[in-house]
Amino acid sequence: MTQSQNARVWASRAFMDSTRIKGFTADPLPSGMSLGQMAELNETGERMSAEHFPKEIFAKYPDKKEKKQADLVLAAGAVVVSAACADVLRQFDLGHSSLYPIKLFQHDRKTPVEGEYFCLNIGERKDVFRPEHSPLVKVLGSGRLKMPPYLQDDDIAVSPAALCGPDLWVSPPLIRMFFLSDRLTEALRAAKMSRVFGFRACRIVQGN
């Protein structure tokens, strides 16, 4: 086995970060899908149309006024990003991933939460995760794979194919994790969004 030292790929642990979860709820979706089903499909790289996502979400707690949200939050099952984050993402090759407008309201369902937001559908998959070179990986009963939440750089191994194609993707059967190209990661860092994404460098391994 050899390791590429020059090129870089990054993983985000945002889906595993409990501080990203915010207290919002939504009305039933037009698709008939539950919010939980929507969230699970979205995290597996399914290409989803706007009707699969809520157009409006509402603060869950009457005694809490929601402030302007961070650049990436998990709210009512959706991956919600700020307009500033969406602007960065749109500069790159997203493939079949999409950004759909979403409005956030306070508990009264009338007062807007400050800011402009979008639902992020990660609609790209790459078969690049190398579990045999990722010692911390856990195999779940369903056959899916999961990494622990407190990851460090180089805990995740990917194949060189991760360097090709769109700049944002997931890699089933690994769950609760998405990946980014080096150039997209650098742009998000420059926009001071590192904290919400929780970037971790991946090892790129070749051979057996």
N, C-alpha and C. Protein backbone atom coordinates (compact mmCIF):
# COMPACT_ATOMS: atom_id res chain seq x y z
N MET A 1 0.85 -1.20 0.00
CA MET A 1 0.00 0.00 0.00
C MET A 1 0.87 1.24 0.00
N THR A 2 0.54 2.18 -0.88
CA THR A 2 1.22 3.46 -0.87
C THR A 2 0.21 4.56 -0.61
N GLN A 3 0.70 5.67 -0.17
CA GLN A 3 -0.18 6.79 0.17
C GLN A 3 0.23 8.02 -0.62
N SER A 4 -0.77 8.68 -1.22
CA SER A 4 -0.51 9.92 -1.94
C SER A 4 -0.32 11.05 -0.94
N GLN A 5 0.78 11.77 -1.07
CA GLN A 5 1.10 12.79 -0.07
C GLN A 5 0.65 14.19 -0.49
N ASN A 6 0.39 14.40 -1.80
CA ASN A 6 0.18 15.76 -2.29
C ASN A 6 -1.29 16.16 -2.32
N ALA A 7 -2.11 15.36 -2.99
CA ALA A 7 -3.53 15.70 -3.13
C ALA A 7 -4.25 15.48 -1.80
N ARG A 8 -5.37 16.20 -1.63
CA ARG A 8 -6.11 16.10 -0.37
C ARG A 8 -7.60 15.94 -0.63
N VAL A 9 -8.22 15.20 0.26
CA VAL A 9 -9.68 15.06 0.31
C VAL A 9 -10.07 15.24 1.76
N TRP A 10 -11.24 15.81 1.99
CA TRP A 10 -11.68 16.11 3.35
C TRP A 10 -13.03 15.47 3.65
N ALA A 11 -13.21 15.05 4.88
CA ALA A 11 -14.50 14.57 5.37
C ALA A 11 -15.08 15.61 6.32
N SER A 12 -16.40 15.69 6.35
CA SER A 12 -17.07 16.56 7.32
C SER A 12 -17.80 15.70 8.34
N ARG A 13 -17.62 16.04 9.61
CA ARG A 13 -18.32 15.33 10.68
C ARG A 13 -19.57 16.08 11.13
N ALA A 14 -20.06 17.02 10.31
CA ALA A 14 -21.20 17.84 10.71
C ALA A 14 -22.44 17.00 11.03
N PHE A 15 -22.66 15.91 10.27
CA PHE A 15 -23.84 15.08 10.50
C PHE A 15 -23.78 14.36 11.85
N MET A 16 -22.60 14.26 12.44
CA MET A 16 -22.44 13.58 13.73
C MET A 16 -22.29 14.56 14.89
N ASP A 17 -22.35 15.84 14.59
CA ASP A 17 -22.11 16.88 15.60
C ASP A 17 -23.44 17.31 16.21
N SER A 18 -23.68 16.95 17.46
CA SER A 18 -24.96 17.25 18.10
C SER A 18 -25.19 18.76 18.23
N THR A 19 -24.13 19.55 18.23
CA THR A 19 -24.31 21.01 18.33
C THR A 19 -24.88 21.60 17.05
N ARG A 20 -24.88 20.83 15.96
CA ARG A 20 -25.46 21.31 14.70
C ARG A 20 -26.98 21.17 14.71
N ILE A 21 -27.54 20.35 15.60
CA ILE A 21 -28.98 20.08 15.61
C ILE A 21 -29.72 21.24 16.28
N LYS A 22 -30.70 21.80 15.59
CA LYS A 22 -31.45 22.93 16.10
C LYS A 22 -32.93 22.58 16.20
N GLY A 23 -33.62 23.22 17.14
CA GLY A 23 -35.00 22.87 17.46
C GLY A 23 -36.02 23.48 16.52
N PHE A 24 -36.22 22.83 15.39
CA PHE A 24 -37.24 23.26 14.43
C PHE A 24 -38.11 22.06 14.05
N THR A 25 -39.31 22.36 13.59
CA THR A 25 -40.21 21.32 13.10
C THR A 25 -40.83 21.79 11.80
N ALA A 26 -41.54 20.89 11.12
CA ALA A 26 -42.14 21.24 9.83
C ALA A 26 -43.47 20.54 9.68
N ASP A 27 -44.31 21.08 8.82
CA ASP A 27 -45.57 20.43 8.47
C ASP A 27 -45.29 19.21 7.59
N PRO A 28 -46.27 18.31 7.41
CA PRO A 28 -46.07 17.13 6.55
C PRO A 28 -45.59 17.53 5.15
N LEU A 29 -44.71 16.73 4.59
CA LEU A 29 -44.14 17.02 3.28
C LEU A 29 -45.10 16.64 2.17
N PRO A 30 -45.10 17.36 1.04
CA PRO A 30 -45.96 17.01 -0.10
C PRO A 30 -45.72 15.60 -0.62
N SER A 31 -44.49 15.11 -0.46
CA SER A 31 -44.15 13.77 -0.96
C SER A 31 -44.76 12.66 -0.12
N GLY A 32 -45.29 13.00 1.07
CA GLY A 32 -45.80 11.98 1.97
C GLY A 32 -44.72 11.32 2.81
N MET A 33 -43.50 11.69 2.58
CA MET A 33 -42.36 11.13 3.32
C MET A 33 -42.27 11.80 4.69
N SER A 34 -41.86 11.04 5.70
CA SER A 34 -41.65 11.64 7.02
C SER A 34 -40.34 12.43 7.00
N LEU A 35 -40.19 13.32 7.98
CA LEU A 35 -38.95 14.08 8.08
C LEU A 35 -37.75 13.16 8.30
N GLY A 36 -37.96 12.10 9.07
CA GLY A 36 -36.89 11.14 9.31
C GLY A 36 -36.47 10.41 8.04
N GLN A 37 -37.46 10.01 7.24
CA GLN A 37 -37.15 9.35 5.97
C GLN A 37 -36.42 10.29 5.03
N MET A 38 -36.88 11.53 5.00
CA MET A 38 -36.23 12.54 4.17
C MET A 38 -34.77 12.72 4.58
N ALA A 39 -34.53 12.80 5.87
CA ALA A 39 -33.17 12.99 6.37
C ALA A 39 -32.28 11.81 6.01
N GLU A 40 -32.81 10.60 6.16
CA GLU A 40 -32.00 9.40 5.88
C GLU A 40 -31.65 9.32 4.40
N LEU A 41 -32.64 9.57 3.54
CA LEU A 41 -32.37 9.53 2.10
C LEU A 41 -31.33 10.58 1.72
N ASN A 42 -31.46 11.76 2.29
CA ASN A 42 -30.56 12.85 1.94
C ASN A 42 -29.13 12.54 2.33
N GLU A 43 -28.94 11.81 3.41
CA GLU A 43 -27.59 11.50 3.87
C GLU A 43 -26.97 10.32 3.12
N THR A 44 -27.75 9.67 2.25
CA THR A 44 -27.22 8.54 1.48
C THR A 44 -26.95 8.92 0.03
N GLY A 45 -27.04 10.20 -0.29
CA GLY A 45 -26.71 10.64 -1.63
C GLY A 45 -27.81 10.50 -2.65
N GLU A 46 -29.04 10.38 -2.19
CA GLU A 46 -30.18 10.27 -3.11
C GLU A 46 -30.45 11.63 -3.75
N ARG A 47 -30.65 11.62 -5.06
CA ARG A 47 -31.01 12.87 -5.75
C ARG A 47 -32.48 13.15 -5.48
N MET A 48 -32.76 14.28 -4.87
CA MET A 48 -34.11 14.58 -4.40
C MET A 48 -34.57 15.93 -4.92
N SER A 49 -35.84 15.99 -5.33
CA SER A 49 -36.42 17.23 -5.83
C SER A 49 -36.88 18.10 -4.67
N ALA A 50 -37.27 19.33 -4.99
CA ALA A 50 -37.67 20.29 -3.96
C ALA A 50 -38.85 19.80 -3.14
N GLU A 51 -39.74 19.00 -3.73
CA GLU A 51 -40.93 18.56 -3.00
C GLU A 51 -40.59 17.60 -1.85
N HIS A 52 -39.38 17.08 -1.85
CA HIS A 52 -38.96 16.19 -0.77
C HIS A 52 -38.50 16.95 0.47
N PHE A 53 -38.41 18.28 0.38
CA PHE A 53 -37.91 19.08 1.48
C PHE A 53 -38.97 20.09 1.92
N PRO A 54 -38.98 20.44 3.20
CA PRO A 54 -39.92 21.48 3.64
C PRO A 54 -39.54 22.83 3.05
N LYS A 55 -40.55 23.62 2.72
CA LYS A 55 -40.30 24.99 2.24
C LYS A 55 -40.25 25.98 3.40
N GLU A 56 -40.85 25.58 4.54
CA GLU A 56 -40.86 26.40 5.74
C GLU A 56 -40.65 25.50 6.95
N ILE A 57 -39.89 25.96 7.92
CA ILE A 57 -39.77 25.25 9.19
C ILE A 57 -39.97 26.25 10.32
N PHE A 58 -40.35 25.72 11.48
CA PHE A 58 -40.81 26.57 12.58
C PHE A 58 -40.10 26.19 13.88
N ALA A 59 -39.72 27.21 14.63
CA ALA A 59 -39.07 26.96 15.92
C ALA A 59 -39.97 26.10 16.80
N LYS A 60 -39.37 25.12 17.43
CA LYS A 60 -40.15 24.13 18.18
C LYS A 60 -40.62 24.65 19.53
N TYR A 61 -39.84 25.54 20.15
CA TYR A 61 -40.10 25.90 21.54
C TYR A 61 -40.64 27.32 21.67
N PRO A 62 -41.81 27.50 22.29
CA PRO A 62 -42.44 28.83 22.36
C PRO A 62 -41.66 29.84 23.19
N ASP A 63 -40.86 29.37 24.15
CA ASP A 63 -40.16 30.29 25.03
C ASP A 63 -38.73 30.59 24.56
N LYS A 64 -38.40 30.18 23.34
CA LYS A 64 -37.05 30.42 22.84
C LYS A 64 -37.12 31.15 21.50
N LYS A 65 -36.52 32.33 21.46
CA LYS A 65 -36.44 33.05 20.20
C LYS A 65 -35.19 32.60 19.46
N GLU A 66 -35.38 32.09 18.25
CA GLU A 66 -34.25 31.62 17.47
C GLU A 66 -33.52 32.79 16.83
N LYS A 67 -32.22 32.81 17.00
CA LYS A 67 -31.39 33.84 16.40
C LYS A 67 -31.00 33.43 14.98
N LYS A 68 -30.28 34.30 14.33
CA LYS A 68 -29.73 33.96 13.02
C LYS A 68 -28.93 32.67 13.14
N GLN A 69 -29.17 31.72 12.24
CA GLN A 69 -28.55 30.41 12.35
C GLN A 69 -27.14 30.41 11.77
N ALA A 70 -26.37 29.41 12.18
CA ALA A 70 -25.01 29.25 11.68
C ALA A 70 -25.03 28.86 10.20
N ASP A 71 -23.85 28.76 9.62
CA ASP A 71 -23.75 28.50 8.18
C ASP A 71 -24.16 27.09 7.79
N LEU A 72 -24.22 26.17 8.74
CA LEU A 72 -24.74 24.83 8.50
C LEU A 72 -25.38 24.32 9.78
N VAL A 73 -26.66 23.98 9.70
CA VAL A 73 -27.37 23.39 10.84
C VAL A 73 -28.22 22.23 10.33
N LEU A 74 -28.60 21.37 11.25
CA LEU A 74 -29.52 20.27 10.97
C LEU A 74 -30.83 20.63 11.64
N ALA A 75 -31.87 20.89 10.85
CA ALA A 75 -33.12 21.42 11.38
C ALA A 75 -34.30 20.74 10.71
N ALA A 76 -35.19 20.16 11.51
CA ALA A 76 -36.38 19.46 11.01
C ALA A 76 -36.00 18.40 9.97
N GLY A 77 -34.88 17.74 10.19
CA GLY A 77 -34.43 16.68 9.30
C GLY A 77 -33.67 17.14 8.08
N ALA A 78 -33.62 18.45 7.85
CA ALA A 78 -32.96 18.99 6.67
C ALA A 78 -31.56 19.50 7.00
N VAL A 79 -30.69 19.45 6.00
CA VAL A 79 -29.39 20.09 6.10
C VAL A 79 -29.58 21.52 5.59
N VAL A 80 -29.54 22.48 6.51
CA VAL A 80 -29.85 23.87 6.18
C VAL A 80 -28.56 24.68 6.19
N VAL A 81 -28.30 25.37 5.08
CA VAL A 81 -27.09 26.19 4.99
C VAL A 81 -27.49 27.65 4.76
N SER A 82 -26.62 28.54 5.16
CA SER A 82 -26.86 29.97 5.00
C SER A 82 -26.70 30.37 3.54
N ALA A 83 -27.19 31.56 3.20
CA ALA A 83 -27.00 32.08 1.85
C ALA A 83 -25.52 32.23 1.53
N ALA A 84 -24.74 32.64 2.52
CA ALA A 84 -23.29 32.80 2.31
C ALA A 84 -22.64 31.46 1.99
N CYS A 85 -23.05 30.41 2.69
CA CYS A 85 -22.52 29.07 2.43
C CYS A 85 -22.97 28.59 1.05
N ALA A 86 -24.23 28.81 0.72
CA ALA A 86 -24.75 28.41 -0.59
C ALA A 86 -23.97 29.11 -1.71
N ASP A 87 -23.63 30.37 -1.50
CA ASP A 87 -22.87 31.11 -2.51
C ASP A 87 -21.51 30.47 -2.76
N VAL A 88 -20.86 30.00 -1.70
CA VAL A 88 -19.58 29.31 -1.86
C VAL A 88 -19.78 27.99 -2.61
N LEU A 89 -20.76 27.21 -2.18
CA LEU A 89 -21.00 25.90 -2.80
C LEU A 89 -21.27 26.03 -4.29
N ARG A 90 -22.02 27.04 -4.69
CA ARG A 90 -22.40 27.19 -6.10
C ARG A 90 -21.21 27.48 -7.01
N GLN A 91 -20.09 27.87 -6.45
CA GLN A 91 -18.91 28.15 -7.27
C GLN A 91 -18.18 26.88 -7.69
N PHE A 92 -18.65 25.73 -7.21
CA PHE A 92 -17.94 24.48 -7.44
C PHE A 92 -18.82 23.47 -8.16
N ASP A 93 -18.22 22.35 -8.54
CA ASP A 93 -18.94 21.29 -9.25
C ASP A 93 -19.73 20.48 -8.23
N LEU A 94 -21.02 20.73 -8.16
CA LEU A 94 -21.88 20.00 -7.23
C LEU A 94 -22.52 18.77 -7.86
N GLY A 95 -22.29 18.57 -9.17
CA GLY A 95 -22.92 17.42 -9.82
C GLY A 95 -24.42 17.50 -9.72
N HIS A 96 -25.04 16.44 -9.18
CA HIS A 96 -26.49 16.40 -9.03
C HIS A 96 -26.96 16.89 -7.66
N SER A 97 -26.08 17.45 -6.87
CA SER A 97 -26.50 18.04 -5.60
C SER A 97 -27.26 19.34 -5.87
N SER A 98 -28.16 19.70 -4.96
CA SER A 98 -29.03 20.85 -5.18
C SER A 98 -29.18 21.68 -3.92
N LEU A 99 -29.56 22.94 -4.12
CA LEU A 99 -29.87 23.87 -3.04
C LEU A 99 -31.29 24.39 -3.26
N TYR A 100 -32.15 24.20 -2.27
CA TYR A 100 -33.55 24.61 -2.37
C TYR A 100 -33.86 25.65 -1.30
N PRO A 101 -34.50 26.77 -1.67
CA PRO A 101 -34.81 27.80 -0.67
C PRO A 101 -35.71 27.27 0.44
N ILE A 102 -35.45 27.71 1.66
CA ILE A 102 -36.28 27.35 2.81
C ILE A 102 -36.40 28.58 3.71
N LYS A 103 -37.57 28.78 4.28
CA LYS A 103 -37.80 29.90 5.18
C LYS A 103 -37.89 29.39 6.61
N LEU A 104 -37.24 30.10 7.52
CA LEU A 104 -37.26 29.75 8.94
C LEU A 104 -38.09 30.77 9.70
N PHE A 105 -38.97 30.26 10.57
CA PHE A 105 -39.85 31.14 11.34
C PHE A 105 -39.73 30.83 12.83
N GLN A 106 -40.08 31.83 13.63
CA GLN A 106 -40.19 31.63 15.07
C GLN A 106 -41.39 30.72 15.36
N HIS A 107 -41.58 30.40 16.63
CA HIS A 107 -42.65 29.48 17.03
C HIS A 107 -44.04 29.98 16.62
N ASP A 108 -44.21 31.29 16.52
CA ASP A 108 -45.53 31.84 16.15
C ASP A 108 -45.88 31.61 14.68
N ARG A 109 -44.95 31.07 13.91
CA ARG A 109 -45.13 30.74 12.50
C ARG A 109 -45.31 31.98 11.62
N LYS A 110 -45.04 33.15 12.15
CA LYS A 110 -45.19 34.39 11.40
C LYS A 110 -43.90 35.19 11.34
N THR A 111 -43.18 35.23 12.45
CA THR A 111 -41.98 36.06 12.55
C THR A 111 -40.79 35.34 11.94
N PRO A 112 -40.17 35.90 10.90
CA PRO A 112 -39.03 35.22 10.28
C PRO A 112 -37.81 35.18 11.21
N VAL A 113 -37.06 34.11 11.12
CA VAL A 113 -35.73 34.06 11.73
C VAL A 113 -34.79 34.84 10.82
N GLU A 114 -33.94 35.65 11.42
CA GLU A 114 -33.02 36.46 10.63
C GLU A 114 -32.17 35.60 9.70
N GLY A 115 -32.01 36.05 8.47
CA GLY A 115 -31.14 35.35 7.54
C GLY A 115 -31.89 34.71 6.38
N GLU A 116 -31.11 34.30 5.38
CA GLU A 116 -31.63 33.59 4.21
C GLU A 116 -31.00 32.20 4.19
N TYR A 117 -31.80 31.17 3.86
CA TYR A 117 -31.34 29.79 4.03
C TYR A 117 -31.75 28.90 2.86
N PHE A 118 -31.03 27.77 2.75
CA PHE A 118 -31.29 26.79 1.71
C PHE A 118 -31.15 25.38 2.28
N CYS A 119 -32.00 24.46 1.78
CA CYS A 119 -31.81 23.04 2.05
C CYS A 119 -30.75 22.51 1.09
N LEU A 120 -29.82 21.75 1.62
CA LEU A 120 -28.78 21.13 0.80
C LEU A 120 -29.10 19.66 0.59
N ASN A 121 -29.27 19.28 -0.67
CA ASN A 121 -29.39 17.87 -1.04
C ASN A 121 -28.07 17.43 -1.65
N ILE A 122 -27.38 16.53 -0.96
CA ILE A 122 -26.14 15.97 -1.52
C ILE A 122 -26.55 14.79 -2.39
N GLY A 123 -26.54 15.01 -3.70
CA GLY A 123 -27.04 14.01 -4.63
C GLY A 123 -25.95 13.29 -5.40
N GLU A 124 -24.76 13.22 -4.84
CA GLU A 124 -23.65 12.53 -5.50
C GLU A 124 -23.06 11.47 -4.58
N ARG A 125 -22.75 10.33 -5.19
CA ARG A 125 -22.09 9.23 -4.47
C ARG A 125 -20.80 8.86 -5.18
N LYS A 126 -19.80 8.54 -4.39
CA LYS A 126 -18.56 7.96 -4.93
C LYS A 126 -18.21 6.75 -4.07
N ASP A 127 -17.87 5.67 -4.71
CA ASP A 127 -17.49 4.44 -3.99
C ASP A 127 -15.99 4.52 -3.70
N VAL A 128 -15.64 5.33 -2.69
CA VAL A 128 -14.23 5.62 -2.45
C VAL A 128 -13.77 5.33 -1.02
N PHE A 129 -14.69 5.11 -0.09
CA PHE A 129 -14.30 4.86 1.30
C PHE A 129 -13.58 3.54 1.39
N ARG A 130 -12.46 3.50 2.11
CA ARG A 130 -11.65 2.28 2.26
C ARG A 130 -11.71 1.81 3.71
N PRO A 131 -12.74 1.03 4.06
CA PRO A 131 -12.89 0.61 5.46
C PRO A 131 -11.73 -0.25 5.95
N GLU A 132 -11.11 -1.00 5.04
CA GLU A 132 -10.01 -1.87 5.45
C GLU A 132 -8.79 -1.07 5.91
N HIS A 133 -8.74 0.21 5.56
CA HIS A 133 -7.65 1.09 5.98
C HIS A 133 -8.12 2.17 6.95
N SER A 134 -9.33 1.99 7.47
CA SER A 134 -9.91 2.94 8.44
C SER A 134 -10.22 2.17 9.72
N PRO A 135 -9.24 2.00 10.61
CA PRO A 135 -9.37 1.08 11.74
C PRO A 135 -10.53 1.37 12.69
N LEU A 136 -11.01 2.60 12.75
CA LEU A 136 -12.06 2.95 13.71
C LEU A 136 -13.46 2.65 13.20
N VAL A 137 -13.58 2.19 11.97
CA VAL A 137 -14.91 1.97 11.39
C VAL A 137 -15.66 0.87 12.14
N LYS A 138 -16.97 1.07 12.28
CA LYS A 138 -17.85 0.09 12.91
C LYS A 138 -18.84 -0.41 11.87
N VAL A 139 -19.06 -1.74 11.86
CA VAL A 139 -20.04 -2.34 10.96
C VAL A 139 -21.35 -2.49 11.72
N LEU A 140 -22.41 -1.88 11.20
CA LEU A 140 -23.72 -1.96 11.83
C LEU A 140 -24.46 -3.20 11.34
N GLY A 141 -25.52 -3.55 12.06
CA GLY A 141 -26.27 -4.75 11.72
C GLY A 141 -26.85 -4.72 10.33
N SER A 142 -27.13 -3.55 9.83
CA SER A 142 -27.72 -3.40 8.50
C SER A 142 -26.68 -3.53 7.39
N GLY A 143 -25.41 -3.68 7.76
CA GLY A 143 -24.35 -3.71 6.77
C GLY A 143 -23.77 -2.34 6.48
N ARG A 144 -24.40 -1.31 7.03
CA ARG A 144 -23.86 0.03 6.86
C ARG A 144 -22.64 0.22 7.76
N LEU A 145 -21.85 1.21 7.43
CA LEU A 145 -20.61 1.49 8.15
C LEU A 145 -20.70 2.86 8.80
N LYS A 146 -20.05 2.99 9.95
CA LYS A 146 -20.10 4.26 10.68
C LYS A 146 -18.76 4.51 11.35
N MET A 147 -18.33 5.75 11.32
CA MET A 147 -17.13 6.17 12.03
C MET A 147 -17.55 6.84 13.34
N PRO A 148 -16.68 6.82 14.36
CA PRO A 148 -17.02 7.49 15.63
C PRO A 148 -17.03 9.01 15.44
N PRO A 149 -17.77 9.73 16.29
CA PRO A 149 -17.91 11.18 16.09
C PRO A 149 -16.64 11.98 16.32
N TYR A 150 -15.76 11.50 17.19
CA TYR A 150 -14.58 12.30 17.52
C TYR A 150 -13.40 11.88 16.65
N LEU A 151 -13.51 12.21 15.39
CA LEU A 151 -12.50 11.82 14.41
C LEU A 151 -11.32 12.77 14.42
N GLN A 152 -10.18 12.23 14.05
CA GLN A 152 -8.98 13.04 13.85
C GLN A 152 -8.58 12.97 12.38
N ASP A 153 -7.69 13.86 11.98
CA ASP A 153 -7.15 13.78 10.63
C ASP A 153 -6.55 12.40 10.38
N ASP A 154 -6.75 11.89 9.19
CA ASP A 154 -6.19 10.62 8.71
C ASP A 154 -6.86 9.38 9.29
N ASP A 155 -7.93 9.53 10.07
CA ASP A 155 -8.66 8.36 10.56
C ASP A 155 -9.46 7.70 9.43
N ILE A 156 -9.79 8.47 8.40
CA ILE A 156 -10.59 7.96 7.29
C ILE A 156 -9.70 7.80 6.06
N ALA A 157 -9.79 6.63 5.44
CA ALA A 157 -9.02 6.36 4.22
C ALA A 157 -9.96 6.31 3.02
N VAL A 158 -9.51 6.89 1.91
CA VAL A 158 -10.28 6.86 0.67
C VAL A 158 -9.34 6.47 -0.47
N SER A 159 -9.94 6.02 -1.56
CA SER A 159 -9.17 5.65 -2.74
C SER A 159 -8.87 6.89 -3.59
N PRO A 160 -7.92 6.80 -4.52
CA PRO A 160 -7.60 7.96 -5.36
C PRO A 160 -8.78 8.44 -6.21
N ALA A 161 -9.78 7.59 -6.42
CA ALA A 161 -10.96 8.01 -7.20
C ALA A 161 -11.69 9.18 -6.54
N ALA A 162 -11.43 9.40 -5.25
CA ALA A 162 -12.05 10.53 -4.55
C ALA A 162 -11.60 11.87 -5.12
N LEU A 163 -10.47 11.86 -5.82
CA LEU A 163 -9.93 13.10 -6.38
C LEU A 163 -10.64 13.51 -7.67
N CYS A 164 -11.48 12.64 -8.20
CA CYS A 164 -12.13 12.90 -9.49
C CYS A 164 -13.61 13.22 -9.29
N GLY A 165 -14.18 13.95 -10.23
CA GLY A 165 -15.62 14.18 -10.20
C GLY A 165 -16.03 15.35 -9.32
N PRO A 166 -17.31 15.38 -8.93
CA PRO A 166 -17.85 16.52 -8.17
C PRO A 166 -17.10 16.79 -6.87
N ASP A 167 -17.28 18.02 -6.38
CA ASP A 167 -16.55 18.49 -5.20
C ASP A 167 -17.23 18.14 -3.88
N LEU A 168 -18.42 17.56 -3.94
CA LEU A 168 -19.19 17.25 -2.72
C LEU A 168 -19.92 15.94 -2.95
N TRP A 169 -19.80 15.00 -1.98
CA TRP A 169 -20.41 13.68 -2.19
C TRP A 169 -20.48 12.91 -0.88
N VAL A 170 -21.19 11.78 -0.93
CA VAL A 170 -21.18 10.79 0.15
C VAL A 170 -20.64 9.48 -0.41
N SER A 171 -20.35 8.54 0.49
CA SER A 171 -19.74 7.28 0.06
C SER A 171 -20.38 6.10 0.78
N PRO A 172 -21.63 5.74 0.41
CA PRO A 172 -22.27 4.57 1.02
C PRO A 172 -21.42 3.32 0.80
N PRO A 173 -21.46 2.37 1.73
CA PRO A 173 -22.38 2.26 2.87
C PRO A 173 -21.97 3.05 4.12
N LEU A 174 -20.97 3.92 4.02
CA LEU A 174 -20.62 4.77 5.16
C LEU A 174 -21.73 5.80 5.38
N ILE A 175 -22.21 5.91 6.60
CA ILE A 175 -23.29 6.85 6.92
C ILE A 175 -22.77 7.98 7.81
N ARG A 176 -23.60 9.04 7.91
CA ARG A 176 -23.34 10.17 8.81
C ARG A 176 -22.05 10.91 8.47
N MET A 177 -21.70 10.93 7.19
CA MET A 177 -20.44 11.53 6.79
C MET A 177 -20.54 11.99 5.34
N PHE A 178 -20.01 13.17 5.04
CA PHE A 178 -19.89 13.54 3.63
C PHE A 178 -18.49 14.06 3.37
N PHE A 179 -18.15 14.13 2.10
CA PHE A 179 -16.79 14.42 1.69
C PHE A 179 -16.74 15.65 0.79
N LEU A 180 -15.57 16.30 0.80
CA LEU A 180 -15.38 17.51 0.01
C LEU A 180 -14.00 17.50 -0.63
N SER A 181 -13.92 18.10 -1.81
CA SER A 181 -12.62 18.28 -2.45
C SER A 181 -11.79 19.29 -1.67
N ASP A 182 -10.50 19.28 -1.95
CA ASP A 182 -9.61 20.23 -1.28
C ASP A 182 -9.95 21.67 -1.66
N ARG A 183 -10.29 21.90 -2.92
CA ARG A 183 -10.56 23.28 -3.34
C ARG A 183 -11.83 23.82 -2.71
N LEU A 184 -12.87 22.99 -2.58
CA LEU A 184 -14.09 23.44 -1.91
C LEU A 184 -13.82 23.68 -0.43
N THR A 185 -13.08 22.78 0.19
CA THR A 185 -12.75 22.94 1.60
C THR A 185 -11.99 24.23 1.85
N GLU A 186 -11.02 24.52 0.99
CA GLU A 186 -10.24 25.75 1.15
C GLU A 186 -11.13 26.99 1.01
N ALA A 187 -12.10 26.94 0.10
CA ALA A 187 -13.01 28.08 -0.08
C ALA A 187 -13.89 28.27 1.15
N LEU A 188 -14.37 27.18 1.72
CA LEU A 188 -15.19 27.27 2.93
C LEU A 188 -14.35 27.74 4.12
N ARG A 189 -13.11 27.32 4.18
CA ARG A 189 -12.21 27.82 5.22
C ARG A 189 -12.00 29.33 5.07
N ALA A 190 -11.79 29.77 3.85
CA ALA A 190 -11.56 31.19 3.60
C ALA A 190 -12.78 32.02 3.99
N ALA A 191 -13.97 31.40 3.89
CA ALA A 191 -15.21 32.07 4.29
C ALA A 191 -15.49 31.92 5.79
N LYS A 192 -14.52 31.35 6.51
CA LYS A 192 -14.59 31.18 7.97
C LYS A 192 -15.75 30.26 8.39
N MET A 193 -15.88 29.14 7.66
CA MET A 193 -16.94 28.18 7.96
C MET A 193 -16.40 26.84 8.46
N SER A 194 -15.12 26.80 8.82
CA SER A 194 -14.51 25.53 9.23
C SER A 194 -15.21 24.89 10.42
N ARG A 195 -15.58 25.70 11.40
CA ARG A 195 -16.12 25.14 12.65
C ARG A 195 -17.39 24.33 12.41
N VAL A 196 -18.29 24.85 11.59
CA VAL A 196 -19.57 24.16 11.42
C VAL A 196 -19.43 22.90 10.57
N PHE A 197 -18.43 22.86 9.71
CA PHE A 197 -18.24 21.67 8.88
C PHE A 197 -17.42 20.59 9.58
N GLY A 198 -16.56 20.96 10.50
CA GLY A 198 -15.76 19.96 11.20
C GLY A 198 -14.89 19.15 10.25
N PHE A 199 -14.08 19.82 9.46
CA PHE A 199 -13.26 19.14 8.46
C PHE A 199 -12.24 18.20 9.10
N ARG A 200 -12.08 17.04 8.49
CA ARG A 200 -11.02 16.11 8.86
C ARG A 200 -10.33 15.62 7.59
N ALA A 201 -9.01 15.71 7.56
CA ALA A 201 -8.27 15.26 6.39
C ALA A 201 -8.35 13.75 6.24
N CYS A 202 -8.50 13.30 5.01
CA CYS A 202 -8.53 11.86 4.72
C CYS A 202 -7.17 11.41 4.19
N ARG A 203 -6.87 10.15 4.44
CA ARG A 203 -5.70 9.52 3.80
C ARG A 203 -6.12 8.98 2.45
N ILE A 204 -5.34 9.24 1.44
CA ILE A 204 -5.59 8.68 0.12
C ILE A 204 -4.65 7.50 -0.07
N VAL A 205 -5.22 6.31 -0.19
CA VAL A 205 -4.40 5.09 -0.25
C VAL A 205 -4.58 4.41 -1.59
N GLN A 206 -3.51 3.81 -2.05
CA GLN A 206 -3.52 3.09 -3.31
C GLN A 206 -3.07 1.67 -3.07
N GLY A 207 -3.52 0.77 -3.91
CA GLY A 207 -3.11 -0.62 -3.80
C GLY A 207 -3.84 -1.34 -2.69
N ASN A 208 -3.37 -2.52 -2.33
CA ASN A 208 -4.02 -3.38 -1.34
C ASN A 208 -3.25 -3.39 -0.03
